[in-house]
Amino acid sequence: MPRGDKSSYTDKQKRQAAHIEKSEKAEGRSEEAAERIAWATVNKQDGGGKKAPAKKAATKKAAKKSTAKKTAKKATKKAAKKTTKKAATKKVAKKATKKAAKKTTKKAATKKTATKKAAKKTAKKATKKTAAR
């Protein structure tokens, strides 16, 4: 932007400068001096041109980085959900295996007691038979 370019000023600032320039001319100043005073006054009031600068490539890169961060966060959340689901299914599987083991041990224990009882009965019968003879 060349020196003295007024493109970065808003329309309002341009209107203010024109109004100030007009009043300075009315007081008898030259056109050049009136314009200089007008823009100096606008700069002092507002601190220079207020229009936003054109978007640059750096802002696009920043936008890409932020979207990349968002997608990374989403991916980590999904991974965390998957691991919690896997952990939950592992817990359920462990419980099921424990229940099955308990059932089989109960069955085996009942079979053992049943065989012990049967053995006792046969032993009693055998002793009765031998005693009767």
Protein backbone atom coordinates (compact mmCIF):
# COMPACT_ATOMS: atom_id res chain seq x y z
CA MET A 1 0.00 0.00 0.00
CA PRO A 2 1.59 3.31 -1.07
CA ARG A 3 2.04 6.10 1.37
CA GLY A 4 -1.06 8.28 1.66
CA ASP A 5 -3.43 5.53 0.51
CA LYS A 6 -6.81 5.89 2.19
CA SER A 7 -8.23 2.45 1.28
CA SER A 8 -7.84 1.11 4.82
CA TYR A 9 -10.19 3.75 6.23
CA THR A 10 -13.88 3.06 6.74
CA ASP A 11 -16.56 5.07 4.99
CA LYS A 12 -17.38 6.78 8.26
CA GLN A 13 -13.77 7.85 8.74
CA LYS A 14 -13.69 9.20 5.19
CA ARG A 15 -16.88 11.21 5.81
CA GLN A 16 -15.42 12.61 9.04
CA ALA A 17 -12.23 13.66 7.23
CA ALA A 18 -14.27 15.35 4.50
CA HIS A 19 -16.32 17.22 7.10
CA ILE A 20 -13.22 18.37 8.99
CA GLU A 21 -11.54 19.38 5.74
CA LYS A 22 -14.57 21.45 4.80
CA SER A 23 -14.57 23.26 8.15
CA GLU A 24 -10.82 23.93 7.93
CA LYS A 25 -11.29 25.46 4.47
CA ALA A 26 -14.07 27.64 5.87
CA GLU A 27 -11.60 28.95 8.45
CA GLY A 28 -9.28 30.05 5.63
CA ARG A 29 -6.68 27.27 5.44
CA SER A 30 -5.35 26.06 2.12
CA GLU A 31 -6.77 22.89 0.58
CA GLU A 32 -3.54 20.98 1.20
CA ALA A 33 -3.30 22.07 4.83
CA ALA A 34 -7.02 21.38 5.41
CA GLU A 35 -6.68 17.81 4.07
CA ARG A 36 -3.56 17.20 6.18
CA ILE A 37 -5.32 18.48 9.34
CA ALA A 38 -8.47 16.44 8.57
CA TRP A 39 -6.64 13.12 8.23
CA ALA A 40 -4.43 13.87 11.22
CA THR A 41 -7.56 14.48 13.28
CA VAL A 42 -9.18 11.21 12.12
CA ASN A 43 -5.98 9.30 12.90
CA LYS A 44 -5.77 10.84 16.35
CA GLN A 45 -9.42 10.00 17.13
CA ASP A 46 -9.47 6.44 15.79
CA GLY A 47 -5.83 5.41 15.68
CA GLY A 48 -5.71 5.02 11.90
CA GLY A 49 -7.67 3.02 9.36
CA LYS A 50 -10.16 0.56 10.85
CA LYS A 51 -10.93 -1.73 7.91
CA ALA A 52 -9.97 -5.33 8.51
CA PRO A 53 -7.01 -6.42 6.40
CA ALA A 54 -7.55 -8.98 3.67
CA LYS A 55 -7.37 -12.59 4.81
CA LYS A 56 -3.97 -14.11 4.30
CA ALA A 57 -2.72 -17.63 3.87
CA ALA A 58 -1.65 -17.71 7.51
CA THR A 59 -5.24 -17.50 8.67
CA LYS A 60 -6.16 -20.37 6.36
CA LYS A 61 -3.35 -22.46 7.83
CA ALA A 62 -4.55 -21.67 11.33
CA ALA A 63 -8.06 -22.73 10.36
CA LYS A 64 -6.74 -25.99 8.95
CA LYS A 65 -4.77 -26.63 12.13
CA SER A 66 -7.82 -26.05 14.31
CA THR A 67 -9.92 -28.43 12.22
CA ALA A 68 -7.12 -30.99 12.39
CA LYS A 69 -7.10 -30.65 16.17
CA LYS A 70 -10.86 -31.12 16.30
CA THR A 71 -10.71 -34.27 14.19
CA ALA A 72 -7.89 -35.61 16.36
CA LYS A 73 -9.99 -35.00 19.47
CA LYS A 74 -12.94 -36.80 17.89
CA ALA A 75 -10.73 -39.74 16.97
CA THR A 76 -9.38 -40.02 20.51
CA LYS A 77 -12.90 -39.90 21.92
CA LYS A 78 -13.99 -42.69 19.57
CA ALA A 79 -10.97 -44.78 20.52
CA ALA A 80 -11.71 -44.25 24.19
CA LYS A 81 -15.32 -45.36 23.68
CA LYS A 82 -14.16 -48.48 21.85
CA THR A 83 -11.74 -49.41 24.60
CA THR A 84 -14.40 -48.94 27.26
CA LYS A 85 -16.77 -51.12 25.25
CA LYS A 86 -14.08 -53.78 24.89
CA ALA A 87 -13.36 -53.65 28.60
CA ALA A 88 -17.06 -54.00 29.35
CA THR A 89 -17.38 -57.01 27.06
CA LYS A 90 -14.31 -58.56 28.67
CA LYS A 91 -15.88 -58.12 32.09
CA VAL A 92 -19.09 -59.74 30.89
CA ALA A 93 -17.13 -62.63 29.40
CA LYS A 94 -15.21 -63.11 32.65
CA LYS A 95 -18.45 -63.18 34.62
CA ALA A 96 -19.94 -65.73 32.25
CA THR A 97 -16.90 -67.98 32.52
CA LYS A 98 -16.95 -67.73 36.31
CA LYS A 99 -20.63 -68.70 36.37
CA ALA A 100 -19.98 -71.63 34.07
CA ALA A 101 -17.07 -72.77 36.24
CA LYS A 102 -19.24 -72.57 39.36
CA LYS A 103 -21.95 -74.62 37.69
CA THR A 104 -19.52 -77.31 36.60
CA THR A 105 -17.95 -77.49 40.05
CA LYS A 106 -21.40 -77.80 41.62
CA LYS A 107 -22.30 -80.58 39.21
CA ALA A 108 -19.05 -82.37 39.92
CA ALA A 109 -19.56 -81.99 43.66
CA THR A 110 -23.09 -83.37 43.44
CA LYS A 111 -21.83 -86.28 41.36
CA LYS A 112 -19.14 -87.02 43.93
CA THR A 113 -21.62 -86.97 46.78
CA ALA A 114 -24.00 -89.14 44.79
CA THR A 115 -21.26 -91.68 44.13
CA LYS A 116 -20.20 -91.61 47.77
CA LYS A 117 -23.79 -92.26 48.85
CA ALA A 118 -24.14 -95.07 46.35
CA ALA A 119 -20.90 -96.58 47.57
CA LYS A 120 -22.10 -96.41 51.17
CA LYS A 121 -25.37 -98.07 50.25
CA THR A 122 -23.65 -100.90 48.45
CA ALA A 123 -21.25 -101.31 51.35
CA LYS A 124 -24.17 -101.53 53.78
CA LYS A 125 -25.93 -104.05 51.59
CA ALA A 126 -22.79 -106.11 51.34
CA THR A 127 -22.28 -106.08 55.10
CA LYS A 128 -25.90 -107.05 55.65
CA LYS A 129 -25.56 -109.95 53.23
CA THR A 130 -22.39 -111.16 54.88
CA ALA A 131 -23.92 -110.81 58.33
CA ALA A 132 -26.99 -112.75 57.25
CA ARG A 133 -24.89 -115.67 56.03
